C-alpha atoms as a PDB file:
ATOM      1  CA  UNK A   1      76.448 100.783 122.707  1.00  0.00           C
ATOM      2  CA  UNK A   2      74.884  99.335 119.724  1.00  0.00           C
ATOM      3  CA  UNK A   3      78.036 100.324 117.367  1.00  0.00           C
ATOM      4  CA  UNK A   4      80.058  97.831 119.220  1.00  0.00           C
ATOM      5  CA  UNK A   5      79.212  94.561 120.351  1.00  0.00           C
ATOM      6  CA  UNK A   6      81.213  93.423 123.583  1.00  0.00           C
ATOM      7  CA  UNK A   7      81.233  89.956 124.974  1.00  0.00           C
ATOM      8  CA  UNK A   8      83.553  87.662 127.309  1.00  0.00           C
ATOM      9  CA  UNK A   9      83.854  83.901 127.094  1.00  0.00           C
ATOM     10  CA  UNK A  10      86.310  81.239 128.516  1.00  0.00           C
ATOM     11  CA  UNK A  11      89.124  84.437 129.070  1.00  0.00           C
ATOM     12  CA  UNK A  12      88.674  85.774 125.669  1.00  0.00           C
ATOM     13  CA  UNK A  13      87.325  89.367 125.321  1.00  0.00           C
ATOM     14  CA  UNK A  14      85.618  90.002 121.781  1.00  0.00           C
ATOM     15  CA  UNK A  15      85.222  93.544 120.355  1.00  0.00           C
ATOM     16  CA  UNK A  16      83.163  93.210 117.347  1.00  0.00           C
ATOM     17  CA  UNK A  17      82.449  96.525 115.315  1.00  0.00           C
ATOM     18  CA  UNK A  18      78.864  96.774 114.618  1.00  0.00           C
ATOM     19  CA  UNK A  19      78.117  99.440 111.789  1.00  0.00           C
ATOM     20  CA  UNK A  20      78.046  97.122 108.638  1.00  0.00           C
ATOM     21  CA  UNK A  21      75.800  99.715 106.688  1.00  0.00           C
ATOM     22  CA  UNK A  22      78.887 101.965 106.381  1.00  0.00           C
ATOM     23  CA  UNK A  23      81.493  99.141 106.431  1.00  0.00           C
ATOM     24  CA  UNK A  24      82.155  99.777 110.324  1.00  0.00           C
ATOM     25  CA  UNK A  25      83.299 103.347 109.815  1.00  0.00           C
ATOM     26  CA  UNK A  26      84.921 104.650 113.283  1.00  0.00           C
ATOM     27  CA  UNK A  27      82.430 107.030 114.723  1.00  0.00           C
ATOM     28  CA  UNK A  28      83.994 109.435 117.404  1.00  0.00           C
ATOM     29  CA  UNK A  29      81.406 107.447 119.970  1.00  0.00           C
ATOM     30  CA  UNK A  30      82.718 104.382 118.937  1.00  0.00           C
ATOM     31  CA  UNK A  31      86.724 105.347 119.634  1.00  0.00           C
ATOM     32  CA  UNK A  32      85.844 106.562 122.971  1.00  0.00           C
ATOM     33  CA  UNK A  33      83.795 103.516 123.733  1.00  0.00           C
ATOM     34  CA  UNK A  34      86.777 101.012 122.499  1.00  0.00           C
ATOM     35  CA  UNK A  35      89.247 102.850 124.531  1.00  0.00           C
ATOM     36  CA  UNK A  36      86.878 102.389 127.805  1.00  0.00           C
ATOM     37  CA  UNK A  37      86.334  98.723 127.309  1.00  0.00           C
ATOM     38  CA  UNK A  38      90.125  98.160 126.559  1.00  0.00           C
ATOM     39  CA  UNK A  39      91.112  99.956 129.632  1.00  0.00           C
ATOM     40  CA  UNK A  40      88.468  98.414 131.928  1.00  0.00           C
ATOM     41  CA  UNK A  41      89.647  94.907 130.370  1.00  0.00           C
ATOM     42  CA  UNK A  42      93.130  95.526 131.195  1.00  0.00           C
ATOM     43  CA  UNK A  43      92.511  95.372 134.958  1.00  0.00           C
ATOM     44  CA  UNK A  44      89.773  92.674 134.578  1.00  0.00           C
ATOM     45  CA  UNK A  45      91.207  89.198 135.439  1.00  0.00           C
ATOM     46  CA  UNK A  46      88.520  87.434 133.725  1.00  0.00           C
ATOM     47  CA  UNK A  47      89.924  88.796 130.493  1.00  0.00           C
ATOM     48  CA  UNK A  48      93.029  86.921 129.111  1.00  0.00           C
ATOM     49  CA  UNK A  49      93.101  88.279 125.525  1.00  0.00           C
ATOM     50  CA  UNK A  50      91.241  90.226 123.052  1.00  0.00           C
ATOM     51  CA  UNK A  51      89.876  89.683 119.822  1.00  0.00           C
ATOM     52  CA  UNK A  52      88.900  92.423 117.399  1.00  0.00           C
ATOM     53  CA  UNK A  53      86.379  91.487 114.407  1.00  0.00           C
ATOM     54  CA  UNK A  54      83.858  93.215 112.408  1.00  0.00           C
ATOM     55  CA  UNK A  55      80.315  92.526 111.250  1.00  0.00           C
ATOM     56  CA  UNK A  56      79.734  92.547 107.624  1.00  0.00           C
ATOM     57  CA  UNK A  57      82.021  92.686 104.643  1.00  0.00           C
ATOM     58  CA  UNK A  58      84.543  94.677 106.378  1.00  0.00           C
ATOM     59  CA  UNK A  59      86.425  94.787 109.576  1.00  0.00           C
ATOM     60  CA  UNK A  60      86.681  98.825 109.133  1.00  0.00           C
ATOM     61  CA  UNK A  61      86.930 100.848 106.371  1.00  0.00           C
ATOM     62  CA  UNK A  62      88.385 103.790 108.309  1.00  0.00           C
ATOM     63  CA  UNK A  63      87.309 106.510 110.557  1.00  0.00           C
ATOM     64  CA  UNK A  64      83.926 108.275 109.628  1.00  0.00           C
ATOM     65  CA  UNK A  65      85.431 111.203 108.036  1.00  0.00           C
ATOM     66  CA  UNK A  66      82.242 112.515 106.403  1.00  0.00           C
ATOM     67  CA  UNK A  67      80.880 113.051 110.260  1.00  0.00           C
ATOM     68  CA  UNK A  68      84.121 114.557 110.822  1.00  0.00           C
ATOM     69  CA  UNK A  69      84.176 116.619 108.038  1.00  0.00           C
ATOM     70  CA  UNK A  70      80.724 117.857 108.634  1.00  0.00           C
ATOM     71  CA  UNK A  71      81.700 118.738 112.475  1.00  0.00           C
ATOM     72  CA  UNK A  72      84.739 120.664 111.120  1.00  0.00           C
ATOM     73  CA  UNK A  73      82.853 122.840 108.708  1.00  0.00           C
ATOM     74  CA  UNK A  74      80.074 123.510 111.713  1.00  0.00           C
ATOM     75  CA  UNK A  75      82.639 123.979 114.393  1.00  0.00           C
ATOM     76  CA  UNK A  76      81.282 121.254 116.355  1.00  0.00           C
ATOM     77  CA  UNK A  77      84.629 119.551 116.966  1.00  0.00           C
ATOM     78  CA  UNK A  78      88.180 119.809 117.472  1.00  0.00           C
ATOM     79  CA  UNK A  79      90.002 117.866 114.861  1.00  0.00           C
ATOM     80  CA  UNK A  80      92.993 117.317 116.282  1.00  0.00           C
ATOM     81  CA  UNK A  81      91.153 116.213 119.509  1.00  0.00           C
ATOM     82  CA  UNK A  82      89.400 113.699 117.242  1.00  0.00           C
ATOM     83  CA  UNK A  83      92.426 112.344 116.194  1.00  0.00           C
ATOM     84  CA  UNK A  84      94.363 112.321 119.462  1.00  0.00           C
ATOM     85  CA  UNK A  85      91.622 110.159 120.809  1.00  0.00           C
ATOM     86  CA  UNK A  86      91.884 107.899 117.752  1.00  0.00           C
ATOM     87  CA  UNK A  87      95.738 107.716 117.920  1.00  0.00           C
ATOM     88  CA  UNK A  88      95.586 106.928 121.403  1.00  0.00           C
ATOM     89  CA  UNK A  89      93.197 103.948 120.950  1.00  0.00           C
ATOM     90  CA  UNK A  90      95.648 102.743 118.360  1.00  0.00           C
ATOM     91  CA  UNK A  91      98.624 102.906 120.513  1.00  0.00           C
ATOM     92  CA  UNK A  92      96.676 101.414 123.466  1.00  0.00           C
ATOM     93  CA  UNK A  93      96.175  98.431 121.188  1.00  0.00           C
ATOM     94  CA  UNK A  94      99.656  98.284 120.373  1.00  0.00           C
ATOM     95  CA  UNK A  95     101.141  98.590 123.771  1.00  0.00           C
ATOM     96  CA  UNK A  96      98.158  96.363 125.563  1.00  0.00           C
ATOM     97  CA  UNK A  97      99.254  94.204 128.352  1.00  0.00           C
ATOM     98  CA  UNK A  98      97.263  91.299 126.887  1.00  0.00           C
ATOM     99  CA  UNK A  99      97.408  89.576 123.725  1.00  0.00           C
ATOM    100  CA  UNK A 100      95.444  91.359 121.134  1.00  0.00           C
ATOM    101  CA  UNK A 101      94.092  89.257 117.834  1.00  0.00           C
ATOM    102  CA  UNK A 102      93.103  91.509 115.328  1.00  0.00           C
ATOM    103  CA  UNK A 103      90.966  89.380 112.311  1.00  0.00           C
ATOM    104  CA  UNK A 104      91.463  91.363 109.436  1.00  0.00           C
ATOM    105  CA  UNK A 105      88.736  90.087 107.214  1.00  0.00           C
ATOM    106  CA  UNK A 106      87.156  91.718 104.278  1.00  0.00           C
ATOM    107  CA  UNK A 107      87.895  95.712 103.787  1.00  0.00           C
ATOM    108  CA  UNK A 108      90.513  96.968 106.038  1.00  0.00           C
ATOM    109  CA  UNK A 109      91.203 100.760 105.375  1.00  0.00           C
ATOM    110  CA  UNK A 110      92.880 103.940 107.192  1.00  0.00           C
ATOM    111  CA  UNK A 111      91.521 103.720 110.776  1.00  0.00           C
ATOM    112  CA  UNK A 112      90.747  99.962 110.159  1.00  0.00           C
ATOM    113  CA  UNK A 113      94.429  99.396 109.800  1.00  0.00           C
ATOM    114  CA  UNK A 114      95.071 101.657 112.580  1.00  0.00           C
ATOM    115  CA  UNK A 115      93.421  99.390 114.935  1.00  0.00           C
ATOM    116  CA  UNK A 116      94.707  96.277 113.568  1.00  0.00           C
ATOM    117  CA  UNK A 117      98.257  96.371 112.230  1.00  0.00           C
ATOM    118  CA  UNK A 118      99.835  97.442 115.809  1.00  0.00           C
ATOM    119  CA  UNK A 119      97.908  94.394 117.533  1.00  0.00           C
ATOM    120  CA  UNK A 120      99.842  91.455 118.846  1.00  0.00           C
ATOM    121  CA  UNK A 121      98.357  89.068 116.208  1.00  0.00           C
ATOM    122  CA  UNK A 122      96.849  89.811 112.933  1.00  0.00           C
ATOM    123  CA  UNK A 123      95.183  87.473 110.931  1.00  0.00           C
ATOM    124  CA  UNK A 124      94.341  87.748 107.303  1.00  0.00           C
ATOM    125  CA  UNK A 125      92.593  85.976 104.757  1.00  0.00           C
ATOM    126  CA  UNK A 126      91.379  85.585 101.178  1.00  0.00           C
ATOM    127  CA  UNK A 127      88.691  88.331 101.705  1.00  0.00           C
ATOM    128  CA  UNK A 128      91.190  90.595 102.852  1.00  0.00           C
ATOM    129  CA  UNK A 129      91.609  93.971 101.196  1.00  0.00           C
ATOM    130  CA  UNK A 130      93.816  96.337 102.559  1.00  0.00           C
ATOM    131  CA  UNK A 131      94.507  99.982 101.711  1.00  0.00           C
ATOM    132  CA  UNK A 132      95.760 103.499 103.191  1.00  0.00           C
ATOM    133  CA  UNK A 133      93.712 105.468 100.614  1.00  0.00           C
ATOM    134  CA  UNK A 134      94.054 108.933 102.382  1.00  0.00           C
ATOM    135  CA  UNK A 135      95.417 110.660  99.595  1.00  0.00           C
ATOM    136  CA  UNK A 136      92.360 110.567  97.661  1.00  0.00           C
ATOM    137  CA  UNK A 137      90.615 112.812 100.504  1.00  0.00           C
ATOM    138  CA  UNK A 138      93.212 115.319 101.011  1.00  0.00           C
ATOM    139  CA  UNK A 139      94.939 113.447 104.131  1.00  0.00           C
ATOM    140  CA  UNK A 140      98.005 111.285 104.465  1.00  0.00           C
ATOM    141  CA  UNK A 141      98.506 107.670 105.913  1.00  0.00           C
ATOM    142  CA  UNK A 142      97.988 108.400 109.323  1.00  0.00           C
ATOM    143  CA  UNK A 143      97.101 105.935 112.526  1.00  0.00           C
ATOM    144  CA  UNK A 144     100.636 105.024 112.772  1.00  0.00           C
ATOM    145  CA  UNK A 145     100.637 103.347 109.519  1.00  0.00           C
ATOM    146  CA  UNK A 146     103.768 104.968 108.369  1.00  0.00           C
ATOM    147  CA  UNK A 147     105.777 103.084 110.935  1.00  0.00           C
ATOM    148  CA  UNK A 148     104.867  99.841 108.986  1.00  0.00           C
ATOM    149  CA  UNK A 149     104.467 101.169 105.581  1.00  0.00           C
ATOM    150  CA  UNK A 150     108.223 102.674 105.662  1.00  0.00           C
ATOM    151  CA  UNK A 151     109.418  98.884 106.615  1.00  0.00           C
ATOM    152  CA  UNK A 152     107.886  97.059 104.180  1.00  0.00           C
ATOM    153  CA  UNK A 153     110.135  95.156 101.566  1.00  0.00           C
ATOM    154  CA  UNK A 154     110.905  96.556  98.182  1.00  0.00           C
ATOM    155  CA  UNK A 155     108.804  99.960  98.618  1.00  0.00           C
ATOM    156  CA  UNK A 156     105.700  98.174  98.299  1.00  0.00           C
ATOM    157  CA  UNK A 157     104.964 100.368 101.437  1.00  0.00           C
ATOM    158  CA  UNK A 158     105.564 103.754  99.523  1.00  0.00           C
ATOM    159  CA  UNK A 159     103.076 102.599  96.913  1.00  0.00           C
ATOM    160  CA  UNK A 160     100.633 101.904  99.332  1.00  0.00           C
ATOM    161  CA  UNK A 161     101.141 105.278 100.759  1.00  0.00           C
ATOM    162  CA  UNK A 162     100.965 107.345  97.519  1.00  0.00           C
ATOM    163  CA  UNK A 163      98.534 105.537  95.159  1.00  0.00           C
ATOM    164  CA  UNK A 164      96.059 104.629  97.678  1.00  0.00           C
ATOM    165  CA  UNK A 165      95.403 101.196  96.066  1.00  0.00           C
ATOM    166  CA  UNK A 166      94.540  97.895  97.667  1.00  0.00           C
ATOM    167  CA  UNK A 167      96.467  94.682  98.817  1.00  0.00           C
ATOM    168  CA  UNK A 168      95.402  91.192  99.213  1.00  0.00           C
ATOM    169  CA  UNK A 169      95.609  89.109 102.568  1.00  0.00           C
ATOM    170  CA  UNK A 170      98.606  87.220 101.100  1.00  0.00           C
ATOM    171  CA  UNK A 171     100.308  90.449 100.061  1.00  0.00           C
ATOM    172  CA  UNK A 172      99.904  91.996 103.450  1.00  0.00           C
ATOM    173  CA  UNK A 173     101.362  88.507 105.266  1.00  0.00           C
ATOM    174  CA  UNK A 174     104.274  88.452 102.476  1.00  0.00           C
ATOM    175  CA  UNK A 175     104.924  92.044 103.676  1.00  0.00           C
ATOM    176  CA  UNK A 176     105.077  91.912 107.133  1.00  0.00           C
ATOM    177  CA  UNK A 177     101.725  93.460 107.765  1.00  0.00           C
ATOM    178  CA  UNK A 178      99.780  90.314 109.188  1.00  0.00           C
ATOM    179  CA  UNK A 179     101.263  87.295 111.335  1.00  0.00           C
ATOM    180  CA  UNK A 180      98.694  84.696 109.968  1.00  0.00           C
ATOM    181  CA  UNK A 181      97.137  83.730 106.532  1.00  0.00           C
ATOM    182  CA  UNK A 182      93.892  81.994 107.275  1.00  0.00           C
ATOM    183  CA  UNK A 183      93.097  79.582 104.356  1.00  0.00           C
ATOM    184  CA  UNK A 184      94.801  79.165 101.123  1.00  0.00           C
ATOM    185  CA  UNK A 185      96.616  81.929  99.640  1.00  0.00           C
ATOM    186  CA  UNK A 186      96.649  83.036  96.022  1.00  0.00           C
ATOM    187  CA  UNK A 187      99.615  83.569  94.177  1.00  0.00           C
ATOM    188  CA  UNK A 188     101.784  86.934  94.630  1.00  0.00           C
ATOM    189  CA  UNK A 189     102.031  89.443  91.942  1.00  0.00           C
ATOM    190  CA  UNK A 190     105.077  90.795  90.503  1.00  0.00           C
ATOM    191  CA  UNK A 191     105.956  93.661  92.291  1.00  0.00           C
ATOM    192  CA  UNK A 192     109.818  93.749  92.030  1.00  0.00           C
ATOM    193  CA  UNK A 193     109.567  97.010  89.638  1.00  0.00           C
ATOM    194  CA  UNK A 194     108.405  99.220  92.639  1.00  0.00           C
ATOM    195  CA  UNK A 195     111.481  99.106  94.537  1.00  0.00           C
ATOM    196  CA  UNK A 196     113.367 101.493  91.616  1.00  0.00           C
ATOM    197  CA  UNK A 197     109.957 103.324  90.677  1.00  0.00           C
ATOM    198  CA  UNK A 198     109.379 104.500  94.275  1.00  0.00           C
ATOM    199  CA  UNK A 199     112.625 105.180  95.612  1.00  0.00           C
ATOM    200  CA  UNK A 200     114.063 108.435  97.024  1.00  0.00           C
ATOM    201  CA  UNK A 201     112.403 111.371  98.631  1.00  0.00           C
ATOM    202  CA  UNK A 202     111.180 113.375  95.755  1.00  0.00           C
ATOM    203  CA  UNK A 203     107.472 112.577  94.794  1.00  0.00           C
ATOM    204  CA  UNK A 204     108.146 114.568  91.103  1.00  0.00           C
ATOM    205  CA  UNK A 205     110.933 111.872  90.351  1.00  0.00           C
ATOM    206  CA  UNK A 206     108.980 109.171  91.422  1.00  0.00           C
ATOM    207  CA  UNK A 207     106.008 110.466  88.785  1.00  0.00           C
ATOM    208  CA  UNK A 208     108.935 110.855  86.092  1.00  0.00           C
ATOM    209  CA  UNK A 209     110.065 107.018  86.536  1.00  0.00           C
ATOM    210  CA  UNK A 210     106.565 105.669  86.569  1.00  0.00           C
ATOM    211  CA  UNK A 211     105.905 107.640  83.344  1.00  0.00           C
ATOM    212  CA  UNK A 212     108.768 106.128  81.810  1.00  0.00           C
ATOM    213  CA  UNK A 213     107.561 102.746  82.690  1.00  0.00           C
ATOM    214  CA  UNK A 214     104.854 101.236  79.939  1.00  0.00           C
ATOM    215  CA  UNK A 215     103.987  98.365  81.876  1.00  0.00           C
ATOM    216  CA  UNK A 216     100.047  98.455  83.139  1.00  0.00           C
ATOM    217  CA  UNK A 217     100.857  98.417  86.823  1.00  0.00           C
ATOM    218  CA  UNK A 218     103.031 101.408  86.658  1.00  0.00           C
ATOM    219  CA  UNK A 219     100.584 103.334  84.532  1.00  0.00           C
ATOM    220  CA  UNK A 220      98.129 102.412  86.817  1.00  0.00           C
ATOM    221  CA  UNK A 221     100.092 103.685  89.857  1.00  0.00           C
ATOM    222  CA  UNK A 222     101.103 106.816  88.033  1.00  0.00           C
ATOM    223  CA  UNK A 223      97.086 107.487  87.448  1.00  0.00           C
ATOM    224  CA  UNK A 224      96.276 106.820  90.614  1.00  0.00           C
ATOM    225  CA  UNK A 225      98.850 109.558  92.123  1.00  0.00           C
ATOM    226  CA  UNK A 226      97.976 111.885  89.522  1.00  0.00           C
ATOM    227  CA  UNK A 227      94.205 111.656  90.686  1.00  0.00           C
ATOM    228  CA  UNK A 228      95.136 112.473  94.306  1.00  0.00           C
ATOM    229  CA  UNK A 229      95.825 115.553  96.391  1.00  0.00           C
ATOM    230  CA  UNK A 230      99.145 116.650  95.219  1.00  0.00           C
ATOM    231  CA  UNK A 231      99.744 118.292  98.438  1.00  0.00           C
ATOM    232  CA  UNK A 232      98.569 115.048 100.463  1.00  0.00           C
ATOM    233  CA  UNK A 233     101.100 113.085  98.039  1.00  0.00           C
ATOM    234  CA  UNK A 234     104.250 115.571  99.090  1.00  0.00           C
ATOM    235  CA  UNK A 235     103.282 115.188 102.680  1.00  0.00           C
ATOM    236  CA  UNK A 236     102.669 111.246 103.005  1.00  0.00           C
ATOM    237  CA  UNK A 237     106.262 110.695 100.943  1.00  0.00           C
ATOM    238  CA  UNK A 238     107.966 113.158 103.425  1.00  0.00           C
ATOM    239  CA  UNK A 239     106.154 111.506 106.569  1.00  0.00           C
ATOM    240  CA  UNK A 240     106.950 107.866 105.427  1.00  0.00           C
ATOM    241  CA  UNK A 241     110.540 108.655 105.037  1.00  0.00           C
ATOM    242  CA  UNK A 242     110.916 110.327 108.248  1.00  0.00           C
ATOM    243  CA  UNK A 243     109.055 107.397 110.054  1.00  0.00           C
ATOM    244  CA  UNK A 244     111.581 104.763 108.952  1.00  0.00           C
ATOM    245  CA  UNK A 245     113.646 105.892 111.939  1.00  0.00           C
ATOM    246  CA  UNK A 246     111.232 106.723 114.503  1.00  0.00           C
ATOM    247  CA  UNK A 247     109.649 104.503 116.997  1.00  0.00           C
ATOM    248  CA  UNK A 248     105.839 103.848 117.067  1.00  0.00           C
ATOM    249  CA  UNK A 249     105.154 106.385 119.815  1.00  0.00           C
ATOM    250  CA  UNK A 250     107.412 109.042 117.449  1.00  0.00           C
ATOM    251  CA  UNK A 251     105.316 108.257 114.582  1.00  0.00           C
ATOM    252  CA  UNK A 252     101.831 108.799 116.520  1.00  0.00           C
ATOM    253  CA  UNK A 253     103.034 112.007 117.509  1.00  0.00           C
ATOM    254  CA  UNK A 254     104.290 113.087 114.130  1.00  0.00           C
ATOM    255  CA  UNK A 255     100.604 112.225 112.992  1.00  0.00           C
ATOM    256  CA  UNK A 256      99.204 114.558 115.420  1.00  0.00           C
ATOM    257  CA  UNK A 257     101.361 117.464 114.147  1.00  0.00           C
ATOM    258  CA  UNK A 258     100.767 116.610 110.747  1.00  0.00           C
ATOM    259  CA  UNK A 259      96.880 116.243 111.218  1.00  0.00           C
ATOM    260  CA  UNK A 260      96.757 119.513 112.892  1.00  0.00           C
ATOM    261  CA  UNK A 261      97.883 121.232 109.563  1.00  0.00           C
ATOM    262  CA  UNK A 262      96.023 119.151 107.274  1.00  0.00           C
ATOM    263  CA  UNK A 263      92.625 118.304 108.598  1.00  0.00           C
ATOM    264  CA  UNK A 264      91.454 121.974 108.738  1.00  0.00           C
ATOM    265  CA  UNK A 265      92.690 122.646 105.113  1.00  0.00           C
ATOM    266  CA  UNK A 266      90.813 123.061 102.004  1.00  0.00           C
ATOM    267  CA  UNK A 267      92.048 119.622 100.311  1.00  0.00           C
ATOM    268  CA  UNK A 268      90.557 117.387 103.483  1.00  0.00           C
ATOM    269  CA  UNK A 269      86.945 119.160 103.192  1.00  0.00           C
ATOM    270  CA  UNK A 270      87.264 119.171  99.518  1.00  0.00           C
ATOM    271  CA  UNK A 271      88.491 115.564  98.977  1.00  0.00           C
ATOM    272  CA  UNK A 272      85.770 114.320 101.398  1.00  0.00           C
ATOM    273  CA  UNK A 273      83.143 116.059  99.288  1.00  0.00           C
ATOM    274  CA  UNK A 274      84.111 114.772  96.083  1.00  0.00           C
ATOM    275  CA  UNK A 275      84.480 111.399  97.008  1.00  0.00           C
ATOM    276  CA  UNK A 276      81.826 110.747  99.680  1.00  0.00           C
ATOM    277  CA  UNK A 277      79.518 113.673  99.831  1.00  0.00           C
ATOM    278  CA  UNK A 278      78.524 114.764  96.398  1.00  0.00           C
ATOM    279  CA  UNK A 279      80.393 111.986  94.538  1.00  0.00           C
ATOM    280  CA  UNK A 280      81.383 113.912  91.528  1.00  0.00           C
ATOM    281  CA  UNK A 281      85.002 112.869  91.768  1.00  0.00           C
ATOM    282  CA  UNK A 282      86.104 116.365  90.506  1.00  0.00           C
ATOM    283  CA  UNK A 283      87.877 117.719  93.473  1.00  0.00           C
ATOM    284  CA  UNK A 284      89.361 121.062  93.243  1.00  0.00           C
ATOM    285  CA  UNK A 285      92.894 120.756  95.045  1.00  0.00           C
ATOM    286  CA  UNK A 286      94.842 123.552  96.454  1.00  0.00           C
ATOM    287  CA  UNK A 287      97.698 122.758  94.162  1.00  0.00           C
ATOM    288  CA  UNK A 288      97.193 121.510  90.390  1.00  0.00           C
ATOM    289  CA  UNK A 289      99.984 119.098  90.264  1.00  0.00           C
ATOM    290  CA  UNK A 290     102.555 117.351  92.358  1.00  0.00           C
ATOM    291  CA  UNK A 291     105.154 119.876  90.455  1.00  0.00           C
ATOM    292  CA  UNK A 292     103.444 122.983  91.892  1.00  0.00           C
ATOM    293  CA  UNK A 293     103.978 122.051  95.626  1.00  0.00           C
ATOM    294  CA  UNK A 294     106.686 123.885  97.338  1.00  0.00           C
ATOM    295  CA  UNK A 295     108.903 121.358  99.123  1.00  0.00           C
ATOM    296  CA  UNK A 296     109.550 124.282 101.685  1.00  0.00           C
ATOM    297  CA  UNK A 297     105.819 124.279 102.875  1.00  0.00           C
ATOM    298  CA  UNK A 298     106.022 120.434 102.844  1.00  0.00           C
ATOM    299  CA  UNK A 299     108.769 120.933 105.258  1.00  0.00           C
ATOM    300  CA  UNK A 300     107.157 123.562 107.570  1.00  0.00           C
ATOM    301  CA  UNK A 301     104.397 121.123 108.184  1.00  0.00           C
ATOM    302  CA  UNK A 302     106.694 118.819 110.157  1.00  0.00           C
END
């Protein structure tokens, strides 16, 4: 398969994502192939360890949501089946019987985080740019990511989940999303304000606290959240808080339940259209504001 390069050298099996023209976005075929190779290598005595990497300026910018959106519109694919296969792959990495090193260089977002943050050894460097930007396309931080986001210090994980904004490799290392910082680490920014601003289970209260903070970082977070799907913001916060007391397999099971409710919904189709298809950045969300989302509707998703 051209989209994934495989090789074995001195006991190490290398899996290199090879769609640099689309930032190594994961197609349905790539997900199936990665799972097939990992299953075979688990039984292969020639392979003692596995290294995951990506060609070009990204490890992986996520699943190919344009492909998924079009397939959903045309009825060619069951979106829940797509998610199930992706989550099964991520859980396979997490539970793999042999050491898995994820080289998280360049852009690591969405499905790219799903493949890497569950690995036994996670490397970042000065080029690493990490994010879970799903709320801008009407989704939520899936691929088991809320398990880790819920356990990050000082509500940094909540900030990531709701704003979709990026962190650096050194921030990821400092917050426990990586095990090794390769090369020099730049100075970390002050994120102490997030602990108060992003506390609690009420997204409306979080927005109010951000509005009351005049500093640029808080205002940037507020603007980012307001630009995203209000429905996704509410689902994401609820999923994150629930994940704090769940095992990783339980988080993946929760993601599948949420996915069954969200992927076929208007906000996903509209969000991908506005961001990646027409690129007008004018999505027409199902709710105008976070304040308009009924908490009972959110609870029903779970």
